[in-house]
Amino acid sequence: MFGAAAALGVAAAGGLGASPARAATASAGAAGVTEVRERAVVVGSGFGGGVTALRLAQAGVSTLVLERGLRWPT
């Protein structure tokens, strides 16, 4: 049950994309500001963050994962 409590703590603080992020980007001349609204945000996609994001997604919580590092082409 600790995992669920941890996931709820992360969700309350602010999560792996359970759903596509709904984002609105600024104009092309701006510095790349993006606004995203999700119920939960998980910072880091390591083991703990990945499992937390998975549990939130399984619970139906709209979740966003933030990761520092290279931007991979999609």
PDB file of N, CA and C in Angstrom:
ATOM      1  N   MET A   1       0.817  -1.189   0.000  1.00  0.00           N
ATOM      2  CA  MET A   1       0.000   0.000   0.000  1.00  0.00           C
ATOM      3  C   MET A   1       0.858   1.249   0.000  1.00  0.00           C
ATOM      4  N   PHE A   2       2.138   1.113   0.421  1.00  0.00           N
ATOM      5  CA  PHE A   2       3.025   2.271   0.431  1.00  0.00           C
ATOM      6  C   PHE A   2       3.168   2.874  -0.958  1.00  0.00           C
ATOM      7  N   GLY A   3       3.219   2.022  -1.988  1.00  0.00           N
ATOM      8  CA  GLY A   3       3.346   2.527  -3.354  1.00  0.00           C
ATOM      9  C   GLY A   3       2.188   3.422  -3.738  1.00  0.00           C
ATOM     10  N   ALA A   4       0.981   3.051  -3.345  1.00  0.00           N
ATOM     11  CA  ALA A   4      -0.187   3.877  -3.650  1.00  0.00           C
ATOM     12  C   ALA A   4      -0.108   5.196  -2.911  1.00  0.00           C
ATOM     13  N   ALA A   5       0.340   5.160  -1.649  1.00  0.00           N
ATOM     14  CA  ALA A   5       0.473   6.395  -0.873  1.00  0.00           C
ATOM     15  C   ALA A   5       1.525   7.301  -1.490  1.00  0.00           C
ATOM     16  N   ALA A   6       2.630   6.709  -1.938  1.00  0.00           N
ATOM     17  CA  ALA A   6       3.672   7.500  -2.582  1.00  0.00           C
ATOM     18  C   ALA A   6       3.159   8.112  -3.873  1.00  0.00           C
ATOM     19  N   ALA A   7       2.405   7.351  -4.636  1.00  0.00           N
ATOM     20  CA  ALA A   7       1.849   7.868  -5.884  1.00  0.00           C
ATOM     21  C   ALA A   7       0.906   9.021  -5.609  1.00  0.00           C
ATOM     22  N   LEU A   8       0.094   8.892  -4.574  1.00  0.00           N
ATOM     23  CA  LEU A   8      -0.815   9.979  -4.234  1.00  0.00           C
ATOM     24  C   LEU A   8      -0.050  11.198  -3.768  1.00  0.00           C
ATOM     25  N   GLY A   9       1.057  10.994  -3.061  1.00  0.00           N
ATOM     26  CA  GLY A   9       1.887  12.116  -2.636  1.00  0.00           C
ATOM     27  C   GLY A   9       2.473  12.846  -3.825  1.00  0.00           C
ATOM     28  N   VAL A  10       2.935  12.104  -4.803  1.00  0.00           N
ATOM     29  CA  VAL A  10       3.468  12.716  -6.016  1.00  0.00           C
ATOM     30  C   VAL A  10       2.360  13.447  -6.754  1.00  0.00           C
ATOM     31  N   ALA A  11       1.182  12.850  -6.818  1.00  0.00           N
ATOM     32  CA  ALA A  11       0.065  13.492  -7.506  1.00  0.00           C
ATOM     33  C   ALA A  11      -0.308  14.787  -6.813  1.00  0.00           C
ATOM     34  N   ALA A  12      -0.292  14.792  -5.500  1.00  0.00           N
ATOM     35  CA  ALA A  12      -0.636  15.996  -4.762  1.00  0.00           C
ATOM     36  C   ALA A  12       0.414  17.076  -4.970  1.00  0.00           C
ATOM     37  N   ALA A  13       1.662  16.687  -5.125  1.00  0.00           N
ATOM     38  CA  ALA A  13       2.729  17.653  -5.324  1.00  0.00           C
ATOM     39  C   ALA A  13       2.605  18.335  -6.676  1.00  0.00           C
ATOM     40  N   GLY A  14       2.053  17.769  -7.493  1.00  0.00           N
ATOM     41  CA  GLY A  14       1.890  18.546  -8.687  1.00  0.00           C
ATOM     42  C   GLY A  14       1.391  17.932  -9.951  1.00  0.00           C
ATOM     43  N   GLY A  15       3.938  13.122 -12.905  1.00  0.00           N
ATOM     44  CA  GLY A  15       3.925  12.157 -13.475  1.00  0.00           C
ATOM     45  C   GLY A  15       4.135  11.506 -14.736  1.00  0.00           C
ATOM     46  N   LEU A  16       4.683   9.517 -16.247  1.00  0.00           N
ATOM     47  CA  LEU A  16       4.722   8.950 -17.568  1.00  0.00           C
ATOM     48  C   LEU A  16       3.390   9.305 -18.181  1.00  0.00           C
ATOM     49  N   GLY A  17       3.426   9.713 -19.336  1.00  0.00           N
ATOM     50  CA  GLY A  17       2.237  10.235 -19.975  1.00  0.00           C
ATOM     51  C   GLY A  17       1.122   9.212 -20.047  1.00  0.00           C
ATOM     52  N   ALA A  18       0.202   9.305 -19.157  1.00  0.00           N
ATOM     53  CA  ALA A  18      -0.969   8.451 -19.182  1.00  0.00           C
ATOM     54  C   ALA A  18      -1.880   8.862 -20.321  1.00  0.00           C
ATOM     55  N   SER A  19      -1.773  10.103 -20.703  1.00  0.00           N
ATOM     56  CA  SER A  19      -2.551  10.616 -21.819  1.00  0.00           C
ATOM     57  C   SER A  19      -1.687  11.642 -22.532  1.00  0.00           C
ATOM     58  N   PRO A  20      -1.964  11.921 -23.787  1.00  0.00           N
ATOM     59  CA  PRO A  20      -1.166  12.926 -24.476  1.00  0.00           C
ATOM     60  C   PRO A  20      -1.300  14.274 -23.776  1.00  0.00           C
ATOM     61  N   ALA A  21      -0.196  14.957 -23.617  1.00  0.00           N
ATOM     62  CA  ALA A  21      -0.221  16.263 -22.959  1.00  0.00           C
ATOM     63  C   ALA A  21      -0.969  17.265 -23.825  1.00  0.00           C
ATOM     64  N   ARG A  22      -1.840  17.986 -23.182  1.00  0.00           N
ATOM     65  CA  ARG A  22      -2.557  19.049 -23.867  1.00  0.00           C
ATOM     66  C   ARG A  22      -1.751  20.321 -23.669  1.00  0.00           C
ATOM     67  N   ALA A  23      -1.019  20.739 -24.683  1.00  0.00           N
ATOM     68  CA  ALA A  23      -0.099  21.855 -24.542  1.00  0.00           C
ATOM     69  C   ALA A  23      -0.413  22.951 -25.548  1.00  0.00           C
ATOM     70  N   ALA A  24      -0.149  24.169 -25.132  1.00  0.00           N
ATOM     71  CA  ALA A  24      -0.271  25.321 -26.018  1.00  0.00           C
ATOM     72  C   ALA A  24       1.077  26.016 -26.010  1.00  0.00           C
ATOM     73  N   THR A  25       1.774  26.028 -27.133  1.00  0.00           N
ATOM     74  CA  THR A  25       3.096  26.635 -27.172  1.00  0.00           C
ATOM     75  C   THR A  25       2.981  28.092 -27.583  1.00  0.00           C
ATOM     76  N   ALA A  26       3.980  28.867 -27.177  1.00  0.00           N
ATOM     77  CA  ALA A  26       4.018  30.285 -27.506  1.00  0.00           C
ATOM     78  C   ALA A  26       4.394  30.450 -28.976  1.00  0.00           C
ATOM     79  N   SER A  27       4.402  31.685 -29.451  1.00  0.00           N
ATOM     80  CA  SER A  27       4.730  31.945 -30.847  1.00  0.00           C
ATOM     81  C   SER A  27       6.154  31.490 -31.154  1.00  0.00           C
ATOM     82  N   ALA A  28       6.454  31.295 -32.431  1.00  0.00           N
ATOM     83  CA  ALA A  28       7.744  30.755 -32.854  1.00  0.00           C
ATOM     84  C   ALA A  28       8.913  31.626 -32.409  1.00  0.00           C
ATOM     85  N   GLY A  29       8.708  32.941 -32.250  1.00  0.00           N
ATOM     86  CA  GLY A  29       9.783  33.833 -31.850  1.00  0.00           C
ATOM     87  C   GLY A  29      10.048  33.820 -30.357  1.00  0.00           C
ATOM     88  N   ALA A  30       9.192  33.187 -29.567  1.00  0.00           N
ATOM     89  CA  ALA A  30       9.354  33.166 -28.110  1.00  0.00           C
ATOM     90  C   ALA A  30      10.405  32.137 -27.695  1.00  0.00           C
ATOM     91  N   ALA A  31      10.675  32.094 -26.412  1.00  0.00           N
ATOM     92  CA  ALA A  31      11.733  31.236 -25.878  1.00  0.00           C
ATOM     93  C   ALA A  31      11.274  29.819 -25.586  1.00  0.00           C
ATOM     94  N   GLY A  32      10.205  29.351 -26.176  1.00  0.00           N
ATOM     95  CA  GLY A  32       9.771  27.976 -25.998  1.00  0.00           C
ATOM     96  C   GLY A  32       9.006  27.717 -24.717  1.00  0.00           C
ATOM     97  N   VAL A  33       8.099  28.595 -24.365  1.00  0.00           N
ATOM     98  CA  VAL A  33       7.276  28.414 -23.171  1.00  0.00           C
ATOM     99  C   VAL A  33       6.103  27.510 -23.515  1.00  0.00           C
ATOM    100  N   THR A  34       5.845  26.520 -22.669  1.00  0.00           N
ATOM    101  CA  THR A  34       4.750  25.582 -22.885  1.00  0.00           C
ATOM    102  C   THR A  34       3.920  25.472 -21.618  1.00  0.00           C
ATOM    103  N   GLU A  35       2.613  25.475 -21.763  1.00  0.00           N
ATOM    104  CA  GLU A  35       1.724  25.277 -20.620  1.00  0.00           C
ATOM    105  C   GLU A  35       1.041  23.930 -20.771  1.00  0.00           C
ATOM    106  N   VAL A  36       1.142  23.099 -19.735  1.00  0.00           N
ATOM    107  CA  VAL A  36       0.538  21.773 -19.733  1.00  0.00           C
ATOM    108  C   VAL A  36      -0.241  21.629 -18.442  1.00  0.00           C
ATOM    109  N   ARG A  37      -1.474  21.137 -18.531  1.00  0.00           N
ATOM    110  CA  ARG A  37      -2.294  20.937 -17.332  1.00  0.00           C
ATOM    111  C   ARG A  37      -2.619  19.455 -17.191  1.00  0.00           C
ATOM    112  N   GLU A  38      -2.125  18.872 -16.124  1.00  0.00           N
ATOM    113  CA  GLU A  38      -2.362  17.468 -15.800  1.00  0.00           C
ATOM    114  C   GLU A  38      -2.691  17.379 -14.319  1.00  0.00           C
ATOM    115  N   ARG A  39      -3.342  16.304 -13.900  1.00  0.00           N
ATOM    116  CA  ARG A  39      -3.657  16.111 -12.485  1.00  0.00           C
ATOM    117  C   ARG A  39      -2.428  15.755 -11.672  1.00  0.00           C
ATOM    118  N   ALA A  40      -1.456  15.079 -12.289  1.00  0.00           N
ATOM    119  CA  ALA A  40      -0.257  14.652 -11.563  1.00  0.00           C
ATOM    120  C   ALA A  40       0.975  14.882 -12.415  1.00  0.00           C
ATOM    121  N   VAL A  41       2.084  15.214 -11.756  1.00  0.00           N
ATOM    122  CA  VAL A  41       3.373  15.371 -12.421  1.00  0.00           C
ATOM    123  C   VAL A  41       4.389  14.534 -11.652  1.00  0.00           C
ATOM    124  N   VAL A  42       5.107  13.666 -12.366  1.00  0.00           N
ATOM    125  CA  VAL A  42       6.183  12.873 -11.773  1.00  0.00           C
ATOM    126  C   VAL A  42       7.485  13.447 -12.308  1.00  0.00           C
ATOM    127  N   VAL A  43       8.395  13.803 -11.409  1.00  0.00           N
ATOM    128  CA  VAL A  43       9.683  14.358 -11.817  1.00  0.00           C
ATOM    129  C   VAL A  43      10.703  13.227 -11.823  1.00  0.00           C
ATOM    130  N   GLY A  44      11.195  12.901 -13.016  1.00  0.00           N
ATOM    131  CA  GLY A  44      12.176  11.830 -13.178  1.00  0.00           C
ATOM    132  C   GLY A  44      11.521  10.532 -13.612  1.00  0.00           C
ATOM    133  N   SER A  45      12.158   9.860 -14.565  1.00  0.00           N
ATOM    134  CA  SER A  45      11.596   8.613 -15.091  1.00  0.00           C
ATOM    135  C   SER A  45      12.438   7.406 -14.692  1.00  0.00           C
ATOM    136  N   GLY A  46      13.185   7.531 -13.604  1.00  0.00           N
ATOM    137  CA  GLY A  46      13.937   6.389 -13.088  1.00  0.00           C
ATOM    138  C   GLY A  46      12.981   5.340 -12.543  1.00  0.00           C
ATOM    139  N   PHE A  47      13.519   4.366 -11.804  1.00  0.00           N
ATOM    140  CA  PHE A  47      12.676   3.267 -11.324  1.00  0.00           C
ATOM    141  C   PHE A  47      11.489   3.778 -10.508  1.00  0.00           C
ATOM    142  N   GLY A  48      11.738   4.624  -9.532  1.00  0.00           N
ATOM    143  CA  GLY A  48      10.653   5.125  -8.684  1.00  0.00           C
ATOM    144  C   GLY A  48       9.646   5.951  -9.460  1.00  0.00           C
ATOM    145  N   GLY A  49      10.135   6.855 -10.305  1.00  0.00           N
ATOM    146  CA  GLY A  49       9.242   7.696 -11.090  1.00  0.00           C
ATOM    147  C   GLY A  49       8.446   6.902 -12.106  1.00  0.00           C
ATOM    148  N   GLY A  50       9.100   5.930 -12.730  1.00  0.00           N
ATOM    149  CA  GLY A  50       8.414   5.096 -13.716  1.00  0.00           C
ATOM    150  C   GLY A  50       7.294   4.280 -13.098  1.00  0.00           C
ATOM    151  N   VAL A  51       7.572   3.687 -11.933  1.00  0.00           N
ATOM    152  CA  VAL A  51       6.553   2.883 -11.251  1.00  0.00           C
ATOM    153  C   VAL A  51       5.414   3.775 -10.766  1.00  0.00           C
ATOM    154  N   THR A  52       5.754   4.942 -10.217  1.00  0.00           N
ATOM    155  CA  THR A  52       4.721   5.868  -9.751  1.00  0.00           C
ATOM    156  C   THR A  52       3.828   6.302 -10.903  1.00  0.00           C
ATOM    157  N   ALA A  53       4.436   6.655 -12.034  1.00  0.00           N
ATOM    158  CA  ALA A  53       3.657   7.069 -13.200  1.00  0.00           C
ATOM    159  C   ALA A  53       2.774   5.926 -13.697  1.00  0.00           C
ATOM    160  N   LEU A  54       3.308   4.710 -13.689  1.00  0.00           N
ATOM    161  CA  LEU A  54       2.526   3.545 -14.103  1.00  0.00           C
ATOM    162  C   LEU A  54       1.307   3.375 -13.210  1.00  0.00           C
ATOM    163  N   ARG A  55       1.503   3.437 -11.903  1.00  0.00           N
ATOM    164  CA  ARG A  55       0.391   3.254 -10.962  1.00  0.00           C
ATOM    165  C   ARG A  55      -0.655   4.354 -11.125  1.00  0.00           C
ATOM    166  N   LEU A  56      -0.214   5.584 -11.321  1.00  0.00           N
ATOM    167  CA  LEU A  56      -1.162   6.677 -11.538  1.00  0.00           C
ATOM    168  C   LEU A  56      -1.958   6.453 -12.823  1.00  0.00           C
ATOM    169  N   ALA A  57      -1.271   6.032 -13.881  1.00  0.00           N
ATOM    170  CA  ALA A  57      -1.946   5.769 -15.153  1.00  0.00           C
ATOM    171  C   ALA A  57      -2.946   4.633 -15.009  1.00  0.00           C
ATOM    172  N   GLN A  58      -2.566   3.580 -14.283  1.00  0.00           N
ATOM    173  CA  GLN A  58      -3.479   2.456 -14.066  1.00  0.00           C
ATOM    174  C   GLN A  58      -4.710   2.884 -13.277  1.00  0.00           C
ATOM    175  N   ALA A  59      -4.549   3.898 -12.428  1.00  0.00           N
ATOM    176  CA  ALA A  59      -5.668   4.407 -11.634  1.00  0.00           C
ATOM    177  C   ALA A  59      -6.504   5.415 -12.416  1.00  0.00           C
ATOM    178  N   GLY A  60      -6.102   5.689 -13.665  1.00  0.00           N
ATOM    179  CA  GLY A  60      -6.865   6.609 -14.503  1.00  0.00           C
ATOM    180  C   GLY A  60      -6.550   8.073 -14.272  1.00  0.00           C
ATOM    181  N   VAL A  61      -5.419   8.365 -13.616  1.00  0.00           N
ATOM    182  CA  VAL A  61      -5.031   9.744 -13.329  1.00  0.00           C
ATOM    183  C   VAL A  61      -4.223  10.285 -14.503  1.00  0.00           C
ATOM    184  N   SER A  62      -4.640  11.421 -15.042  1.00  0.00           N
ATOM    185  CA  SER A  62      -3.919  12.074 -16.124  1.00  0.00           C
ATOM    186  C   SER A  62      -2.564  12.528 -15.585  1.00  0.00           C
ATOM    187  N   THR A  63      -1.468  12.008 -16.160  1.00  0.00           N
ATOM    188  CA  THR A  63      -0.142  12.155 -15.564  1.00  0.00           C
ATOM    189  C   THR A  63       0.881  12.621 -16.591  1.00  0.00           C
ATOM    190  N   LEU A  64       1.828  13.440 -16.140  1.00  0.00           N
ATOM    191  CA  LEU A  64       2.922  13.924 -16.976  1.00  0.00           C
ATOM    192  C   LEU A  64       4.233  13.566 -16.296  1.00  0.00           C
ATOM    193  N   VAL A  65       5.212  13.060 -17.057  1.00  0.00           N
ATOM    194  CA  VAL A  65       6.542  12.772 -16.521  1.00  0.00           C
ATOM    195  C   VAL A  65       7.512  13.810 -17.068  1.00  0.00           C
ATOM    196  N   LEU A  66       8.273  14.425 -16.172  1.00  0.00           N
ATOM    197  CA  LEU A  66       9.313  15.370 -16.570  1.00  0.00           C
ATOM    198  C   LEU A  66      10.661  14.693 -16.397  1.00  0.00           C
ATOM    199  N   GLU A  67      11.505  14.807 -17.416  1.00  0.00           N
ATOM    200  CA  GLU A  67      12.821  14.173 -17.369  1.00  0.00           C
ATOM    201  C   GLU A  67      13.860  15.141 -17.900  1.00  0.00           C
ATOM    202  N   ARG A  68      14.957  15.261 -17.197  1.00  0.00           N
ATOM    203  CA  ARG A  68      16.066  16.083 -17.658  1.00  0.00           C
ATOM    204  C   ARG A  68      16.902  15.238 -18.606  1.00  0.00           C
ATOM    205  N   GLY A  69      17.396  15.835 -19.645  1.00  0.00           N
ATOM    206  CA  GLY A  69      18.248  15.082 -20.558  1.00  0.00           C
ATOM    207  C   GLY A  69      17.989  15.476 -21.999  1.00  0.00           C
ATOM    208  N   LEU A  70      18.456  14.641 -22.897  1.00  0.00           N
ATOM    209  CA  LEU A  70      18.313  14.911 -24.321  1.00  0.00           C
ATOM    210  C   LEU A  70      16.862  14.837 -24.756  1.00  0.00           C
ATOM    211  N   ARG A  71      16.508  15.661 -25.705  1.00  0.00           N
ATOM    212  CA  ARG A  71      15.173  15.599 -26.293  1.00  0.00           C
ATOM    213  C   ARG A  71      15.247  14.622 -27.460  1.00  0.00           C
ATOM    214  N   TRP A  72      14.491  13.542 -27.365  1.00  0.00           N
ATOM    215  CA  TRP A  72      14.506  12.505 -28.389  1.00  0.00           C
ATOM    216  C   TRP A  72      13.523  12.857 -29.494  1.00  0.00           C
ATOM    217  N   PRO A  73      13.925  12.686 -30.763  1.00  0.00           N
ATOM    218  CA  PRO A  73      12.994  12.952 -31.865  1.00  0.00           C
ATOM    219  C   PRO A  73      11.840  11.951 -31.833  1.00  0.00           C
ATOM    220  N   THR A  74      10.658  12.440 -32.119  1.00  0.00           N
ATOM    221  CA  THR A  74       9.486  11.549 -32.115  1.00  0.00           C
ATOM    222  C   THR A  74       8.865  11.474 -33.484  1.00  0.00           C
TER     223      THR A  74
END
